[in-house]
Amino acid sequence: SSYRLFVELKEMNTPAIGTCRENRLMKSPLKTVKELNKAGRGSVDFQFDERNQIQVVKWIDNKAVVISSHFCTANIEGTVLRWKKRQGPVDVLIPALIRHYNQGIGGVDLTDNAVNCYKISITSKKWYWPLVINAIQMCHKCLAFTQHGTW
């Protein structure tokens, strides 16, 4: 995802939330990963673009996660249980934006994973062939899901 994508989706009144790479954030003044790592696990930095109504959040879990949205806020919603080697389970603060993203992450990622695990190994020099093969794979996975109820 990129900042421009969220602006376009906002103009089309389509709700969007997704991860972003830091180099696609139009130079948003977020803290660096080094600064957030010093603050510890669960540290958060966020910026809000008032003109386009887009929220960008950087959160440190095991690694830095950057998520953007134009319909959800970065307020700290609660905690999430994480495991530390010597301490065992610990509570880590989590923003509402991250929790909302994690609740809806399953569908697309599971489909992509299933298609990548069982790729059809037919090749061709025609430009349209990868599109046809991908469509066949997606139909196959959807059919398997409806029959078995699991990916």
C-alpha atoms as a PDB file:
ATOM      1  CA  SER A   1       0.000   0.000   0.000  1.00  0.00           C
ATOM      2  CA  SER A   2       1.032   3.587  -0.382  1.00  0.00           C
ATOM      3  CA  TYR A   3      -0.112   6.978   0.810  1.00  0.00           C
ATOM      4  CA  ARG A   4      -1.462   7.858  -2.640  1.00  0.00           C
ATOM      5  CA  LEU A   5      -3.570   4.692  -2.684  1.00  0.00           C
ATOM      6  CA  PHE A   6      -5.231   5.689   0.591  1.00  0.00           C
ATOM      7  CA  VAL A   7      -5.926   9.181  -0.762  1.00  0.00           C
ATOM      8  CA  GLU A   8      -7.583   7.707  -3.862  1.00  0.00           C
ATOM      9  CA  LEU A   9      -9.654   5.258  -1.816  1.00  0.00           C
ATOM     10  CA  LYS A  10     -10.736   8.049   0.526  1.00  0.00           C
ATOM     11  CA  GLU A  11     -11.955  10.088  -2.457  1.00  0.00           C
ATOM     12  CA  MET A  12     -13.961   7.066  -3.654  1.00  0.00           C
ATOM     13  CA  ASN A  13     -15.459   6.601  -0.134  1.00  0.00           C
ATOM     14  CA  THR A  14     -13.927   3.128   0.135  1.00  0.00           C
ATOM     15  CA  PRO A  15     -12.721   2.224   3.633  1.00  0.00           C
ATOM     16  CA  ALA A  16      -9.125   1.009   3.630  1.00  0.00           C
ATOM     17  CA  ILE A  17      -6.572  -0.210   6.128  1.00  0.00           C
ATOM     18  CA  GLY A  18      -3.234  -1.787   5.292  1.00  0.00           C
ATOM     19  CA  THR A  19       0.465  -2.065   5.868  1.00  0.00           C
ATOM     20  CA  CYS A  20       2.799   0.383   4.154  1.00  0.00           C
ATOM     21  CA  ARG A  21       6.467   0.597   3.449  1.00  0.00           C
ATOM     22  CA  GLU A  22       8.097   3.625   4.991  1.00  0.00           C
ATOM     23  CA  ASN A  23       9.456   4.874   1.673  1.00  0.00           C
ATOM     24  CA  ARG A  24       5.862   5.162   0.350  1.00  0.00           C
ATOM     25  CA  LEU A  25       4.572   7.473   3.065  1.00  0.00           C
ATOM     26  CA  MET A  26       5.369  10.785   1.364  1.00  0.00           C
ATOM     27  CA  LYS A  27       8.086  11.573   3.939  1.00  0.00           C
ATOM     28  CA  SER A  28       5.785  11.330   6.947  1.00  0.00           C
ATOM     29  CA  PRO A  29       7.664  12.566  10.052  1.00  0.00           C
ATOM     30  CA  LEU A  30       7.459   9.292  12.008  1.00  0.00           C
ATOM     31  CA  LYS A  31      10.143   8.346  14.501  1.00  0.00           C
ATOM     32  CA  THR A  32      12.847   6.002  13.294  1.00  0.00           C
ATOM     33  CA  VAL A  33      12.855   2.319  14.190  1.00  0.00           C
ATOM     34  CA  LYS A  34      15.958   2.905  16.346  1.00  0.00           C
ATOM     35  CA  GLU A  35      14.159   5.523  18.430  1.00  0.00           C
ATOM     36  CA  LEU A  36      11.106   3.326  18.914  1.00  0.00           C
ATOM     37  CA  ASN A  37      13.229   0.288  19.797  1.00  0.00           C
ATOM     38  CA  LYS A  38      14.858   2.296  22.586  1.00  0.00           C
ATOM     39  CA  ALA A  39      11.391   2.956  24.003  1.00  0.00           C
ATOM     40  CA  GLY A  40      10.730  -0.788  24.024  1.00  0.00           C
ATOM     41  CA  ARG A  41       8.208  -3.243  22.696  1.00  0.00           C
ATOM     42  CA  GLY A  42       4.748  -1.776  22.283  1.00  0.00           C
ATOM     43  CA  SER A  43       5.947   1.768  21.598  1.00  0.00           C
ATOM     44  CA  VAL A  44       3.850   3.713  19.108  1.00  0.00           C
ATOM     45  CA  ASP A  45       4.293   6.741  16.895  1.00  0.00           C
ATOM     46  CA  PHE A  46       1.556   8.144  14.688  1.00  0.00           C
ATOM     47  CA  GLN A  47       0.842  11.018  12.346  1.00  0.00           C
ATOM     48  CA  PHE A  48      -2.460  12.344  11.073  1.00  0.00           C
ATOM     49  CA  ASP A  49      -2.869  14.132   7.762  1.00  0.00           C
ATOM     50  CA  GLU A  50      -5.693  16.593   8.418  1.00  0.00           C
ATOM     51  CA  ARG A  51      -6.159  17.517   4.776  1.00  0.00           C
ATOM     52  CA  ASN A  52      -6.752  13.949   3.554  1.00  0.00           C
ATOM     53  CA  GLN A  53      -7.887  12.471   6.909  1.00  0.00           C
ATOM     54  CA  ILE A  54      -5.322   9.652   6.801  1.00  0.00           C
ATOM     55  CA  GLN A  55      -3.778   8.127   9.908  1.00  0.00           C
ATOM     56  CA  VAL A  56      -0.308   6.509   9.785  1.00  0.00           C
ATOM     57  CA  VAL A  57       0.872   4.404  12.744  1.00  0.00           C
ATOM     58  CA  LYS A  58       4.260   2.824  13.425  1.00  0.00           C
ATOM     59  CA  TRP A  59       4.184   0.202  16.183  1.00  0.00           C
ATOM     60  CA  ILE A  60       7.002  -1.940  17.555  1.00  0.00           C
ATOM     61  CA  ASP A  61       6.161  -5.579  18.209  1.00  0.00           C
ATOM     62  CA  ASN A  62       8.881  -8.067  17.263  1.00  0.00           C
ATOM     63  CA  LYS A  63       9.640  -5.714  14.378  1.00  0.00           C
ATOM     64  CA  ALA A  64       8.343  -2.345  13.265  1.00  0.00           C
ATOM     65  CA  VAL A  65       4.889  -2.371  11.667  1.00  0.00           C
ATOM     66  CA  VAL A  66       3.594   0.610   9.671  1.00  0.00           C
ATOM     67  CA  ILE A  67      -0.154   0.737   9.012  1.00  0.00           C
ATOM     68  CA  SER A  68      -2.331   3.404   7.395  1.00  0.00           C
ATOM     69  CA  SER A  69      -6.058   3.970   7.420  1.00  0.00           C
ATOM     70  CA  HIS A  70      -8.618   6.681   6.843  1.00  0.00           C
ATOM     71  CA  PHE A  71     -11.419   5.350   9.026  1.00  0.00           C
ATOM     72  CA  CYS A  72      -9.747   4.071  12.207  1.00  0.00           C
ATOM     73  CA  THR A  73      -7.788   5.844  14.950  1.00  0.00           C
ATOM     74  CA  ALA A  74      -4.431   5.180  16.588  1.00  0.00           C
ATOM     75  CA  ASN A  75      -5.741   5.350  20.162  1.00  0.00           C
ATOM     76  CA  ILE A  76      -4.280   2.741  22.483  1.00  0.00           C
ATOM     77  CA  GLU A  77      -7.050   0.182  22.762  1.00  0.00           C
ATOM     78  CA  GLY A  78      -5.608  -2.245  25.247  1.00  0.00           C
ATOM     79  CA  THR A  79      -2.960  -4.891  25.495  1.00  0.00           C
ATOM     80  CA  VAL A  80      -2.006  -8.033  23.666  1.00  0.00           C
ATOM     81  CA  LEU A  81      -0.194 -11.013  25.170  1.00  0.00           C
ATOM     82  CA  ARG A  82       3.326 -11.625  23.844  1.00  0.00           C
ATOM     83  CA  TRP A  83       6.062 -14.046  24.875  1.00  0.00           C
ATOM     84  CA  LYS A  84       9.524 -13.031  26.103  1.00  0.00           C
ATOM     85  CA  LYS A  85      12.224 -15.648  26.469  1.00  0.00           C
ATOM     86  CA  ARG A  86      13.209 -15.082  30.090  1.00  0.00           C
ATOM     87  CA  GLN A  87      10.056 -13.404  31.415  1.00  0.00           C
ATOM     88  CA  GLY A  88       7.350 -15.552  29.851  1.00  0.00           C
ATOM     89  CA  PRO A  89       4.065 -13.923  28.794  1.00  0.00           C
ATOM     90  CA  VAL A  90       3.960 -10.112  28.949  1.00  0.00           C
ATOM     91  CA  ASP A  91       1.280  -7.566  28.071  1.00  0.00           C
ATOM     92  CA  VAL A  92       2.145  -5.167  25.249  1.00  0.00           C
ATOM     93  CA  LEU A  93       0.142  -2.036  24.425  1.00  0.00           C
ATOM     94  CA  ILE A  94      -1.601  -2.173  21.051  1.00  0.00           C
ATOM     95  CA  PRO A  95      -3.265   0.636  19.045  1.00  0.00           C
ATOM     96  CA  ALA A  96      -6.848   0.213  17.836  1.00  0.00           C
ATOM     97  CA  LEU A  97      -5.667   0.500  14.234  1.00  0.00           C
ATOM     98  CA  ILE A  98      -3.369  -2.517  14.579  1.00  0.00           C
ATOM     99  CA  ARG A  99      -6.045  -4.599  16.320  1.00  0.00           C
ATOM    100  CA  HIS A 100      -8.571  -3.741  13.606  1.00  0.00           C
ATOM    101  CA  TYR A 101      -6.067  -4.705  10.897  1.00  0.00           C
ATOM    102  CA  ASN A 102      -5.296  -8.032  12.594  1.00  0.00           C
ATOM    103  CA  GLN A 103      -8.986  -8.938  12.791  1.00  0.00           C
ATOM    104  CA  GLY A 104      -9.445  -8.674   9.023  1.00  0.00           C
ATOM    105  CA  ILE A 105      -6.117 -10.012   7.820  1.00  0.00           C
ATOM    106  CA  GLY A 106      -7.134 -13.634   7.226  1.00  0.00           C
ATOM    107  CA  GLY A 107      -8.930 -13.866   3.873  1.00  0.00           C
ATOM    108  CA  VAL A 108      -6.499 -12.419   1.351  1.00  0.00           C
ATOM    109  CA  ASP A 109      -3.381 -13.729   3.073  1.00  0.00           C
ATOM    110  CA  LEU A 110      -4.751 -17.265   3.341  1.00  0.00           C
ATOM    111  CA  THR A 111      -5.713 -17.286  -0.330  1.00  0.00           C
ATOM    112  CA  ASP A 112      -2.324 -15.951  -1.436  1.00  0.00           C
ATOM    113  CA  ASN A 113      -0.573 -18.521   0.746  1.00  0.00           C
ATOM    114  CA  ALA A 114      -2.662 -21.381  -0.644  1.00  0.00           C
ATOM    115  CA  VAL A 115      -2.028 -20.323  -4.252  1.00  0.00           C
ATOM    116  CA  ASN A 116       1.732 -19.999  -3.635  1.00  0.00           C
ATOM    117  CA  CYS A 117       1.962 -23.400  -1.937  1.00  0.00           C
ATOM    118  CA  TYR A 118       0.353 -25.262  -4.825  1.00  0.00           C
ATOM    119  CA  LYS A 119       1.476 -23.458  -7.963  1.00  0.00           C
ATOM    120  CA  ILE A 120       0.764 -24.911 -11.364  1.00  0.00           C
ATOM    121  CA  SER A 121       4.114 -25.363 -13.088  1.00  0.00           C
ATOM    122  CA  ILE A 122       3.075 -24.798 -16.689  1.00  0.00           C
ATOM    123  CA  THR A 123       4.963 -22.055 -18.503  1.00  0.00           C
ATOM    124  CA  SER A 124       4.365 -20.239 -21.750  1.00  0.00           C
ATOM    125  CA  LYS A 125       5.609 -17.223 -23.658  1.00  0.00           C
ATOM    126  CA  LYS A 126       2.119 -15.780 -24.043  1.00  0.00           C
ATOM    127  CA  TRP A 127       1.493 -12.653 -21.959  1.00  0.00           C
ATOM    128  CA  TYR A 128      -1.961 -13.749 -20.823  1.00  0.00           C
ATOM    129  CA  TRP A 129      -0.994 -17.220 -19.584  1.00  0.00           C
ATOM    130  CA  PRO A 130      -0.098 -16.242 -15.977  1.00  0.00           C
ATOM    131  CA  LEU A 131      -3.480 -14.504 -15.672  1.00  0.00           C
ATOM    132  CA  VAL A 132      -5.323 -17.628 -16.836  1.00  0.00           C
ATOM    133  CA  ILE A 133      -3.350 -19.924 -14.510  1.00  0.00           C
ATOM    134  CA  ASN A 134      -3.891 -17.605 -11.529  1.00  0.00           C
ATOM    135  CA  ALA A 135      -7.648 -17.519 -12.208  1.00  0.00           C
ATOM    136  CA  ILE A 136      -7.750 -21.319 -12.352  1.00  0.00           C
ATOM    137  CA  GLN A 137      -5.812 -21.591  -9.085  1.00  0.00           C
ATOM    138  CA  MET A 138      -8.110 -19.117  -7.335  1.00  0.00           C
ATOM    139  CA  CYS A 139     -11.204 -21.016  -8.511  1.00  0.00           C
ATOM    140  CA  HIS A 140      -9.677 -24.275  -7.330  1.00  0.00           C
ATOM    141  CA  LYS A 141      -8.955 -22.849  -3.853  1.00  0.00           C
ATOM    142  CA  CYS A 142     -12.431 -21.327  -3.552  1.00  0.00           C
ATOM    143  CA  LEU A 143     -13.988 -24.642  -4.537  1.00  0.00           C
ATOM    144  CA  ALA A 144     -11.864 -26.515  -1.993  1.00  0.00           C
ATOM    145  CA  PHE A 145     -12.853 -24.016   0.701  1.00  0.00           C
ATOM    146  CA  THR A 146     -16.577 -24.359   0.055  1.00  0.00           C
ATOM    147  CA  GLN A 147     -16.373 -28.148   0.064  1.00  0.00           C
ATOM    148  CA  HIS A 148     -14.192 -28.597   3.141  1.00  0.00           C
ATOM    149  CA  GLY A 149     -14.732 -25.343   5.040  1.00  0.00           C
ATOM    150  CA  THR A 150     -10.994 -24.793   5.432  1.00  0.00           C
ATOM    151  CA  TRP A 151      -8.043 -23.740   3.310  1.00  0.00           C
END
